[in-house]
Structure formats: C-alpha cells, structure tokens
Amino acid sequence: MSVTDDLADALARDTIEAMDKIGDDNLINEVAKQLAATSTTSEEAYMTSIRVRLAERRARNYLQKRIADFAAGNSRDK
C-alpha cells in the first residue's frame, strides 16, 4: 500500500471505532469532509477503506449469526 492508503486506512479504523463509541454514524462523513478540503486523494482512499471495513463487518456478523443458528439447530435449508 502507499503512504496515502496506509494513512487513510488507519484513519478509517479510528473513525469507525470512534463512531461506535459515540454512536454518531455521521462522523464518517464529517471526517471525509475534513480530508476533502485539503486532499481529495486522501478522502477517496479513506472512503474506500470505510466501505471495505463496514462491508466486512456486516458479512462477518452475518456469518457469525448463521453459525450460531446452526449450532442452535436453526439451520436453513438451501
């Protein structure tokens, strides 16, 4: 990864953690606006990291629920 990607990803991780703590989903966009004011390249890398990390979180939660349902005998037939 480039320095831009590394820094943007670290900021994305920190922002998601802060968002979870304070319960403000708009924090992501507020931080993105701060980045965009000085570096659209950084803002784009940040938003990509945000999307990837939140998508992975949703998918992981889904997977864990499916495993828990299976363990509880509530498996779905497909």
Foldseek 3Di string as FASTA:
>chain_A
DDPLLVVLLVVLVVQVVVCVVVVDPCSLVVVLVVCCVPDPSSSVSNVVNNVVVVVVVVVVVVVVVQVVCVVVVNHDDD
